[in-house]
Amino acid sequence: MRPGFSATTVLDSVLFRDAFGTPAMREVFNDRALVQRYIEVEVALAKAEARCGVIPADAAEEIARRASLDALDFDLLRQETDIVGYPILPLVHQLVKQCGEAGRYVHWGATTQDIMDTAVVLQMRAALDLVERDIDALRTILADLATTHRDTPMAGRTHLQHALPVTFGYKVAIWLAMFDRHAERLAQLRPRVLVGSFAGAAGTLASLGEKGLEVQEALCGELGLGVPVSTWHVARDGFAEAINLLGLVTGSLGKIALDVMIMASTEYAEVYEPFVQGRGASSTMPQKRNPISSELMLAASKAVRQHAALMLDAMVQDFERATGPWHAEWIAIPESFVLTAGALHQAKFALGGLIVDADRMRRNLGMSNGLIVAEAVMMRLAPAMGRQSAHDVVYAACRIVNEEGGTLAEALARDPAVTAHFDREALEGITAPESYLGKSGEMVDRVVASSRRHGSAA
């Protein structure tokens, strides 16, 4: 079999991996990177223990010098991992041999989960940096799009039907505000999640005697991680929070994707993803231009949502060391980050080059012949005749338009109760959708200003 063609999931597939992920995020979570993180933690532990007088300083120096990813026998590591069920003991076997006499001090006082959890924290730190970068880039794209279309009128829709006029910039500002909040959430969770794990077999650090907490703090210092206030071998809320944040991020991307896909449908034809020769083409229908990026974003949101739920389930762990929920994290964490990176990449492409048909938006806005601003007319008539009477008058006029055709202004002009207060010209103005946009523009300004004030690039 040709190299690279043995993958069985879309995350590693030669065909699909760049649709559902990114090279940068895969690099954070690939096998070599993971094992390198294990070695990084083992070396940092030796250095920390030497600083605290637990192991000889020359032994720590030798471990740091000789522990090598490239010197590992990965076939042997895989075989022994399959037998043991965890990769750390097989890794320690090889590191002990690599380090000669100093090898006796490798993994001193640690337990497998200490090394694996801390390595995942290091991965997560790098992964969150990538997610943060992409969110910031997307916020800039959305801020620019909202500003450009601040005053582009379109139909606001509720229950998939015309409701009231809005602007496209207003719609995008709502998307932007979601990602401003995600950026805030990401910053807030870092100190809770990026915390080292070193507590020993049952979490009490008993194997290091009086030096346990000192070594724990020194290890975290070596790795630039926070120091835990308590052992978290079976307290998984930090990891669950991180993946559920990704669920929120991809959920927002899914919402945007659904809006774009519906607006790109033939009947709406209001927006299109950027044109790239052949992208979204059908094998049988030459006219097709499918919203591929939005479809991938929506698919990713569904997959990450399942992993977010899995992480919540994995929080339910027994006693001081779990019998299985921990293993579920090995699936959910890397896949969630890769899928989120892929979805953010697709969003930056789709929204960064989004084609907006403002003329079609205006035509669609006018297709109800003024009915979309029935509320506006009712509110203008209410001071003169009372709200309920105004509602009844406008309701009757709307029925005339639906049953007989014509415009709302024409129907209203046939009612003496209306013409007693408004002439035909005034009615035409009241029923113009562009005249009933509320505070859409000001809301755009407020969201964009807040976003740029809190970190989104201008």
Protein backbone atom coordinates (compact mmCIF):
# COMPACT_ATOMS: atom_id res chain seq x y z
CA MET A 1 0.00 0.00 0.00
CA ARG A 2 1.29 3.45 -0.89
CA PRO A 3 2.51 5.60 2.04
CA GLY A 4 -0.24 7.72 3.52
CA PHE A 5 -3.08 5.56 2.19
CA SER A 6 -3.63 3.50 5.34
CA ALA A 7 -5.77 6.10 7.14
CA THR A 8 -9.28 5.05 8.14
CA THR A 9 -10.78 8.38 9.31
CA VAL A 10 -11.32 11.71 7.58
CA LEU A 11 -8.91 13.34 10.04
CA ASP A 12 -5.93 11.45 8.61
CA SER A 13 -7.25 10.62 5.15
CA VAL A 14 -5.16 11.77 2.19
CA LEU A 15 -8.43 12.68 0.51
CA PHE A 16 -10.28 14.43 3.32
CA ARG A 17 -7.84 15.54 6.01
CA ASP A 18 -7.51 19.14 4.79
CA ALA A 19 -11.29 19.44 4.47
CA PHE A 20 -11.84 18.49 8.11
CA GLY A 21 -8.62 19.71 9.72
CA THR A 22 -5.44 21.70 9.22
CA PRO A 23 -1.78 20.64 8.99
CA ALA A 24 -0.87 22.87 11.94
CA MET A 25 -3.39 21.27 14.29
CA ARG A 26 -2.57 17.75 13.13
CA GLU A 27 1.07 18.53 13.89
CA VAL A 28 0.12 19.29 17.50
CA PHE A 29 -1.60 15.95 17.98
CA ASN A 30 0.30 13.46 15.81
CA ASP A 31 2.05 10.48 17.40
CA ARG A 32 5.55 11.90 17.22
CA ALA A 33 4.44 15.17 18.79
CA LEU A 34 2.63 13.30 21.56
CA VAL A 35 5.59 11.08 22.42
CA GLN A 36 7.86 14.12 22.31
CA ARG A 37 5.58 15.73 24.90
CA TYR A 38 5.92 12.63 27.09
CA ILE A 39 9.69 12.93 26.88
CA GLU A 40 9.50 16.66 27.57
CA VAL A 41 7.59 15.98 30.77
CA GLU A 42 9.97 13.21 31.86
CA VAL A 43 12.98 15.47 31.30
CA ALA A 44 11.29 18.38 33.10
CA LEU A 45 10.51 16.05 36.01
CA ALA A 46 14.16 15.02 36.30
CA LYS A 47 15.26 18.67 36.26
CA ALA A 48 12.67 19.60 38.87
CA GLU A 49 13.68 16.73 41.14
CA ALA A 50 17.34 17.65 40.81
CA ARG A 51 16.54 21.24 41.80
CA CYS A 52 14.72 19.95 44.84
CA GLY A 53 17.54 17.57 45.80
CA VAL A 54 15.54 14.41 45.11
CA ILE A 55 17.84 13.01 42.41
CA PRO A 56 21.47 13.87 41.57
CA ALA A 57 21.95 16.92 39.38
CA ASP A 58 24.30 15.08 37.03
CA ALA A 59 21.65 12.40 36.53
CA ALA A 60 19.10 15.03 35.49
CA GLU A 61 21.61 16.57 33.09
CA GLU A 62 22.30 13.16 31.56
CA ILE A 63 18.59 12.43 31.16
CA ALA A 64 18.06 15.80 29.48
CA ARG A 65 21.00 15.21 27.15
CA ARG A 66 20.32 11.62 26.16
CA ALA A 67 16.53 11.25 26.13
CA SER A 68 15.74 11.27 22.42
CA LEU A 69 12.64 10.86 20.34
CA ASP A 70 14.68 9.94 17.27
CA ALA A 71 16.44 7.10 19.14
CA LEU A 72 13.15 5.39 20.02
CA ASP A 73 12.11 2.10 18.46
CA PHE A 74 8.53 3.00 17.57
CA ASP A 75 7.62 -0.52 16.50
CA LEU A 76 8.65 -1.81 19.90
CA LEU A 77 6.86 1.08 21.59
CA ARG A 78 3.67 0.22 19.71
CA GLN A 79 3.92 -3.49 20.51
CA GLU A 80 4.49 -2.94 24.22
CA THR A 81 1.81 -0.27 24.42
CA ASP A 82 -0.64 -2.77 22.97
CA ILE A 83 0.30 -5.21 25.73
CA VAL A 84 0.50 -2.79 28.65
CA GLY A 85 -2.46 -0.64 27.60
CA TYR A 86 -0.53 2.61 28.12
CA PRO A 87 2.53 4.03 26.35
CA ILE A 88 4.43 5.40 29.35
CA LEU A 89 5.91 2.19 30.80
CA PRO A 90 7.16 1.07 27.36
CA LEU A 91 8.56 4.56 26.81
CA VAL A 92 10.30 4.55 30.19
CA HIS A 93 11.88 1.18 29.34
CA GLN A 94 13.56 2.74 26.31
CA LEU A 95 14.47 6.01 28.03
CA VAL A 96 16.16 4.08 30.85
CA LYS A 97 18.34 2.33 28.29
CA GLN A 98 19.07 5.58 26.44
CA CYS A 99 20.22 7.33 29.63
CA GLY A 100 22.64 4.69 30.92
CA GLU A 101 23.42 4.96 34.64
CA ALA A 102 21.17 8.01 34.93
CA GLY A 103 18.29 5.94 33.62
CA ARG A 104 17.52 4.67 37.12
CA TYR A 105 16.14 8.14 37.93
CA VAL A 106 13.79 8.41 34.93
CA HIS A 107 10.12 8.69 35.95
CA TRP A 108 11.09 8.99 39.64
CA GLY A 109 7.99 9.10 41.85
CA ALA A 110 5.63 9.61 38.93
CA THR A 111 2.67 7.62 37.70
CA THR A 112 1.59 7.04 34.10
CA GLN A 113 -1.32 9.43 34.28
CA ASP A 114 0.89 12.25 35.57
CA ILE A 115 2.98 12.10 32.41
CA MET A 116 0.11 11.57 30.00
CA ASP A 117 -2.15 14.26 31.45
CA THR A 118 0.62 16.83 31.59
CA ALA A 119 1.59 16.03 28.02
CA VAL A 120 -2.01 16.59 26.93
CA VAL A 121 -2.01 19.93 28.74
CA LEU A 122 1.06 20.91 26.74
CA GLN A 123 -0.68 19.85 23.54
CA MET A 124 -3.78 21.74 24.57
CA ARG A 125 -1.78 24.90 25.19
CA ALA A 126 -0.40 24.79 21.66
CA ALA A 127 -3.80 23.89 20.24
CA LEU A 128 -5.58 26.71 22.05
CA ASP A 129 -3.01 29.13 20.63
CA LEU A 130 -4.02 28.00 17.13
CA VAL A 131 -7.72 28.25 17.91
CA GLU A 132 -7.26 31.71 19.40
CA ARG A 133 -5.35 32.88 16.33
CA ASP A 134 -8.09 31.62 14.01
CA ILE A 135 -10.87 33.13 16.12
CA ASP A 136 -9.10 36.50 16.07
CA ALA A 137 -8.71 36.29 12.29
CA LEU A 138 -12.37 35.39 11.89
CA ARG A 139 -13.42 38.26 14.15
CA THR A 140 -11.55 40.68 11.90
CA ILE A 141 -13.26 39.21 8.83
CA LEU A 142 -16.68 39.50 10.45
CA ALA A 143 -16.05 43.04 11.69
CA ASP A 144 -15.10 44.16 8.19
CA LEU A 145 -18.11 42.38 6.66
CA ALA A 146 -20.50 43.90 9.18
CA THR A 147 -19.10 47.37 8.58
CA THR A 148 -19.28 47.04 4.80
CA HIS A 149 -22.93 45.96 4.96
CA ARG A 150 -23.99 48.07 7.92
CA ASP A 151 -26.82 49.59 5.90
CA THR A 152 -27.53 46.84 3.35
CA PRO A 153 -31.24 46.10 3.87
CA MET A 154 -32.59 42.58 3.71
CA ALA A 155 -35.49 40.57 5.02
CA GLY A 156 -35.23 39.46 8.62
CA ARG A 157 -36.76 36.01 8.95
CA THR A 158 -38.37 34.17 11.83
CA HIS A 159 -39.64 30.61 11.44
CA LEU A 160 -38.19 30.85 7.90
CA GLN A 161 -40.73 33.53 6.98
CA HIS A 162 -40.36 37.27 6.46
CA ALA A 163 -40.56 39.04 9.81
CA LEU A 164 -39.15 42.58 9.75
CA PRO A 165 -36.45 44.33 7.72
CA VAL A 166 -32.89 44.13 9.03
CA THR A 167 -29.52 44.76 7.46
CA PHE A 168 -26.98 42.15 6.45
CA GLY A 169 -24.45 43.98 8.60
CA TYR A 170 -26.76 43.50 11.59
CA LYS A 171 -26.89 39.75 10.91
CA VAL A 172 -23.09 39.56 10.67
CA ALA A 173 -22.69 41.64 13.84
CA ILE A 174 -24.65 38.98 15.71
CA TRP A 175 -22.21 36.37 14.38
CA LEU A 176 -19.28 38.57 15.42
CA ALA A 177 -20.59 39.04 18.95
CA MET A 178 -20.66 35.26 19.41
CA PHE A 179 -16.98 35.00 18.55
CA ASP A 180 -16.09 37.93 20.77
CA ARG A 181 -17.60 35.94 23.62
CA HIS A 182 -15.73 32.80 22.56
CA ALA A 183 -12.46 34.75 22.63
CA GLU A 184 -13.29 35.90 26.14
CA ARG A 185 -14.16 32.36 27.23
CA LEU A 186 -10.91 31.03 25.81
CA ALA A 187 -8.85 33.55 27.75
CA GLN A 188 -10.75 32.78 30.94
CA LEU A 189 -10.34 29.02 30.76
CA ARG A 190 -6.56 29.03 30.20
CA PRO A 191 -5.59 29.31 33.89
CA ARG A 192 -8.09 26.62 34.82
CA VAL A 193 -7.00 24.16 32.13
CA LEU A 194 -3.28 24.77 31.62
CA VAL A 195 -2.27 23.20 34.91
CA GLY A 196 0.29 20.45 35.39
CA SER A 197 -0.47 17.02 36.79
CA PHE A 198 2.01 15.37 39.16
CA ALA A 199 0.63 13.51 42.15
CA GLY A 200 1.84 9.92 42.11
CA ALA A 201 0.04 6.60 42.24
CA ALA A 202 -3.04 7.54 44.27
CA GLY A 203 -2.57 11.30 44.04
CA THR A 204 -0.98 11.85 47.45
CA LEU A 205 2.68 12.27 46.36
CA ALA A 206 3.58 9.76 49.08
CA SER A 207 6.55 8.37 47.11
CA LEU A 208 8.44 11.67 47.44
CA GLY A 209 7.86 12.17 51.13
CA GLU A 210 8.29 15.77 52.25
CA LYS A 211 9.51 16.83 48.80
CA GLY A 212 6.28 16.02 46.93
CA LEU A 213 4.67 19.43 46.70
CA GLU A 214 8.02 21.11 46.14
CA VAL A 215 8.73 18.85 43.15
CA GLN A 216 5.20 19.39 41.83
CA GLU A 217 5.70 23.14 41.84
CA ALA A 218 9.16 22.87 40.31
CA LEU A 219 7.89 20.60 37.52
CA CYS A 220 5.10 23.01 36.64
CA GLY A 221 7.63 25.82 36.64
CA GLU A 222 9.88 23.92 34.22
CA LEU A 223 6.96 23.52 31.82
CA GLY A 224 5.43 26.97 32.28
CA LEU A 225 2.18 25.51 33.61
CA GLY A 226 0.00 26.43 36.54
CA VAL A 227 0.38 24.55 39.81
CA PRO A 228 -2.69 22.50 40.76
CA VAL A 229 -4.27 23.20 44.13
CA SER A 230 -5.35 19.57 44.30
CA THR A 231 -4.81 16.33 42.43
CA TRP A 232 -6.99 16.13 39.33
CA HIS A 233 -6.48 12.55 38.17
CA VAL A 234 -10.23 11.98 38.42
CA ALA A 235 -11.40 15.61 38.41
CA ARG A 236 -11.74 16.20 34.67
CA ASP A 237 -13.71 19.43 34.59
CA GLY A 238 -10.78 21.35 33.07
CA PHE A 239 -10.48 19.15 29.99
CA ALA A 240 -14.26 18.93 29.72
CA GLU A 241 -14.49 22.72 29.79
CA ALA A 242 -11.95 23.05 27.00
CA ILE A 243 -13.74 20.63 24.68
CA ASN A 244 -17.11 22.11 25.49
CA LEU A 245 -15.68 25.50 24.51
CA LEU A 246 -14.85 23.93 21.16
CA GLY A 247 -18.43 22.71 21.06
CA LEU A 248 -19.59 26.30 21.49
CA VAL A 249 -17.18 27.58 18.83
CA THR A 250 -18.21 24.99 16.26
CA GLY A 251 -21.86 25.40 17.25
CA SER A 252 -21.61 29.07 16.30
CA LEU A 253 -19.89 28.10 13.07
CA GLY A 254 -22.72 25.67 12.39
CA LYS A 255 -25.27 28.44 12.88
CA ILE A 256 -23.42 30.69 10.45
CA ALA A 257 -23.07 27.81 7.99
CA LEU A 258 -26.80 27.11 8.08
CA ASP A 259 -27.62 30.77 7.44
CA VAL A 260 -25.20 30.92 4.53
CA MET A 261 -26.45 27.68 3.00
CA ILE A 262 -30.08 28.78 3.09
CA MET A 263 -29.24 32.26 1.80
CA ALA A 264 -27.25 30.66 -1.03
CA SER A 265 -30.16 28.49 -2.14
CA THR A 266 -31.59 29.23 -5.58
CA GLU A 267 -34.79 30.74 -4.18
CA TYR A 268 -32.88 33.18 -1.93
CA ALA A 269 -29.67 33.75 -3.93
CA GLU A 270 -28.48 36.43 -1.50
CA VAL A 271 -24.95 35.25 -0.76
CA TYR A 272 -22.42 32.86 -2.27
CA GLU A 273 -19.20 31.32 -1.06
CA PRO A 274 -16.10 32.54 -2.94
CA PHE A 275 -15.78 31.22 -6.46
CA VAL A 276 -12.97 28.74 -7.05
CA GLN A 277 -12.90 26.82 -10.32
CA GLY A 278 -14.51 23.43 -9.75
CA ARG A 279 -15.33 23.92 -6.06
CA GLY A 280 -18.80 22.70 -5.17
CA ALA A 281 -19.31 21.22 -8.62
CA SER A 282 -21.70 18.33 -9.20
CA SER A 283 -20.71 15.22 -11.15
CA THR A 284 -24.04 15.33 -13.02
CA MET A 285 -25.41 18.88 -12.84
CA PRO A 286 -23.10 21.46 -14.42
CA GLN A 287 -25.03 24.41 -12.98
CA LYS A 288 -24.40 23.46 -9.35
CA ARG A 289 -22.29 25.58 -7.01
CA ASN A 290 -22.64 23.87 -3.67
CA PRO A 291 -21.67 25.69 -0.43
CA ILE A 292 -18.93 23.22 0.46
CA SER A 293 -17.22 25.18 3.24
CA SER A 294 -20.53 25.73 5.02
CA GLU A 295 -21.36 22.05 4.70
CA LEU A 296 -18.03 21.10 6.26
CA MET A 297 -18.53 23.63 9.07
CA LEU A 298 -21.95 22.19 9.84
CA ALA A 299 -20.63 18.61 9.82
CA ALA A 300 -17.79 19.56 12.18
CA SER A 301 -20.22 21.23 14.58
CA LYS A 302 -22.20 18.01 14.84
CA ALA A 303 -19.10 15.87 15.43
CA VAL A 304 -17.57 18.16 18.06
CA ARG A 305 -20.91 18.37 19.84
CA GLN A 306 -20.80 14.60 20.30
CA HIS A 307 -17.27 14.78 21.66
CA ALA A 308 -18.30 17.56 24.06
CA ALA A 309 -20.97 15.24 25.42
CA LEU A 310 -18.42 12.43 25.63
CA MET A 311 -16.14 14.64 27.72
CA LEU A 312 -18.99 15.38 30.11
CA ASP A 313 -19.67 11.67 30.40
CA ALA A 314 -15.96 11.02 31.01
CA MET A 315 -16.10 13.27 34.07
CA VAL A 316 -17.94 10.51 35.94
CA GLN A 317 -14.90 8.57 37.20
CA ASP A 318 -14.56 6.04 39.96
CA PHE A 319 -12.55 6.62 43.12
CA GLU A 320 -8.90 7.75 42.71
CA ARG A 321 -8.21 6.31 39.24
CA ALA A 322 -10.77 5.73 36.53
CA THR A 323 -11.42 2.36 34.90
CA GLY A 324 -12.29 3.61 31.43
CA PRO A 325 -13.64 7.17 31.14
CA TRP A 326 -10.07 8.49 30.93
CA HIS A 327 -9.52 6.54 27.73
CA ALA A 328 -12.51 8.23 26.10
CA GLU A 329 -10.62 11.52 26.35
CA TRP A 330 -7.88 10.13 24.12
CA ILE A 331 -10.48 10.02 21.35
CA ALA A 332 -12.38 13.21 22.05
CA ILE A 333 -9.60 15.74 22.72
CA PRO A 334 -7.44 15.46 19.58
CA GLU A 335 -10.40 14.92 17.25
CA SER A 336 -12.25 17.92 18.67
CA PHE A 337 -9.30 20.23 18.19
CA VAL A 338 -8.59 19.03 14.65
CA LEU A 339 -12.25 19.33 13.63
CA THR A 340 -12.49 22.81 15.18
CA ALA A 341 -9.37 23.96 13.36
CA GLY A 342 -10.79 22.63 10.11
CA ALA A 343 -14.12 24.37 10.65
CA LEU A 344 -12.44 27.68 11.49
CA HIS A 345 -10.30 27.37 8.37
CA GLN A 346 -13.39 26.82 6.23
CA ALA A 347 -15.11 29.78 7.90
CA LYS A 348 -12.21 32.11 7.19
CA PHE A 349 -12.27 31.07 3.54
CA ALA A 350 -16.03 31.28 3.09
CA LEU A 351 -16.64 34.50 4.99
CA GLY A 352 -13.42 36.18 3.96
CA GLY A 353 -14.49 36.04 0.34
CA LEU A 354 -18.27 35.94 0.74
CA ILE A 355 -20.12 37.28 -2.28
CA VAL A 356 -23.09 39.38 -1.16
CA ASP A 357 -25.84 40.22 -3.66
CA ALA A 358 -27.30 43.38 -2.15
CA ASP A 359 -29.67 43.87 -5.07
CA ARG A 360 -31.16 40.42 -4.60
CA MET A 361 -31.54 41.12 -0.88
CA ARG A 362 -33.53 44.25 -1.73
CA ARG A 363 -35.70 42.36 -4.23
CA ASN A 364 -36.40 39.63 -1.70
CA LEU A 365 -37.20 42.29 0.87
CA GLY A 366 -39.84 43.72 -1.43
CA MET A 367 -41.41 40.44 -2.48
CA SER A 368 -44.14 40.65 0.18
CA ASN A 369 -45.41 43.91 -1.31
CA GLY A 370 -44.98 45.79 1.93
CA LEU A 371 -46.35 43.16 4.32
CA ILE A 372 -42.96 42.84 6.00
CA VAL A 373 -43.49 46.28 7.55
CA ALA A 374 -47.05 45.67 8.73
CA GLU A 375 -45.85 46.20 12.29
CA ALA A 376 -44.47 49.61 11.33
CA VAL A 377 -47.83 50.71 9.94
CA MET A 378 -49.65 49.40 12.98
CA MET A 379 -47.35 51.34 15.31
CA ARG A 380 -47.82 54.54 13.27
CA LEU A 381 -51.63 54.19 13.35
CA ALA A 382 -51.81 53.20 17.02
CA PRO A 383 -51.51 56.73 18.50
CA ALA A 384 -54.48 57.86 16.44
CA MET A 385 -56.84 54.89 16.84
CA GLY A 386 -55.44 52.71 19.60
CA ARG A 387 -53.15 49.71 19.24
CA GLN A 388 -55.82 47.01 18.92
CA SER A 389 -57.86 48.93 16.36
CA ALA A 390 -54.72 49.67 14.40
CA HIS A 391 -53.80 45.98 14.52
CA ASP A 392 -57.25 45.00 13.18
CA VAL A 393 -57.10 47.55 10.36
CA VAL A 394 -53.64 46.47 9.24
CA TYR A 395 -54.55 42.79 9.58
CA ALA A 396 -57.51 43.33 7.24
CA ALA A 397 -55.29 45.16 4.73
CA CYS A 398 -52.77 42.30 4.82
CA ARG A 399 -55.54 39.83 3.99
CA ILE A 400 -56.51 41.93 0.98
CA VAL A 401 -52.91 41.85 -0.31
CA ASN A 402 -52.67 38.09 0.20
CA GLU A 403 -56.01 37.34 -1.43
CA GLU A 404 -56.31 40.00 -4.13
CA GLY A 405 -52.75 41.16 -4.77
CA GLY A 406 -51.44 44.69 -4.87
CA THR A 407 -49.34 46.39 -2.21
CA LEU A 408 -49.98 47.09 1.44
CA ALA A 409 -49.97 50.82 0.73
CA GLU A 410 -52.71 50.35 -1.88
CA ALA A 411 -54.84 48.25 0.45
CA LEU A 412 -54.48 50.75 3.27
CA ALA A 413 -55.40 53.61 0.94
CA ARG A 414 -58.83 51.99 0.46
CA ASP A 415 -59.66 52.27 4.17
CA PRO A 416 -61.12 55.64 5.29
CA ALA A 417 -59.98 54.96 8.85
CA VAL A 418 -56.42 55.07 7.54
CA THR A 419 -56.70 57.90 5.02
CA ALA A 420 -58.11 60.09 7.73
CA HIS A 421 -54.58 60.20 9.10
CA PHE A 422 -52.22 59.41 6.16
CA ASP A 423 -52.36 60.29 2.47
CA ARG A 424 -51.08 57.94 -0.25
CA GLU A 425 -47.60 59.43 -0.33
CA ALA A 426 -47.24 59.01 3.42
CA LEU A 427 -48.43 55.42 3.18
CA GLU A 428 -45.83 54.66 0.52
CA GLY A 429 -43.16 56.00 2.86
CA ILE A 430 -44.42 54.08 5.87
CA THR A 431 -44.53 50.81 3.94
CA ALA A 432 -41.04 51.18 2.45
CA PRO A 433 -38.98 48.41 4.14
CA GLU A 434 -35.83 50.56 4.25
CA SER A 435 -37.64 52.98 6.57
CA TYR A 436 -38.11 50.38 9.31
CA LEU A 437 -34.63 49.11 10.16
CA GLY A 438 -34.78 50.09 13.80
CA LYS A 439 -31.36 50.39 15.40
CA SER A 440 -29.66 47.89 13.09
CA GLY A 441 -26.91 50.30 12.11
CA GLU A 442 -26.21 51.46 15.64
CA MET A 443 -26.07 47.86 16.82
CA VAL A 444 -23.48 47.08 14.15
CA ASP A 445 -21.41 50.06 15.28
CA ARG A 446 -21.61 49.00 18.90
CA VAL A 447 -20.60 45.37 18.24
CA VAL A 448 -17.72 46.28 15.93
CA ALA A 449 -16.39 48.91 18.32
CA SER A 450 -16.55 46.47 21.23
CA SER A 451 -14.85 43.74 19.23
CA ARG A 452 -11.99 45.97 18.15
CA ARG A 453 -11.65 47.38 21.64
CA HIS A 454 -11.24 43.87 23.03
CA GLY A 455 -8.64 42.49 20.70
CA SER A 456 -10.00 42.03 17.19
CA ALA A 457 -7.73 43.71 14.65
CA ALA A 458 -9.00 46.89 13.08
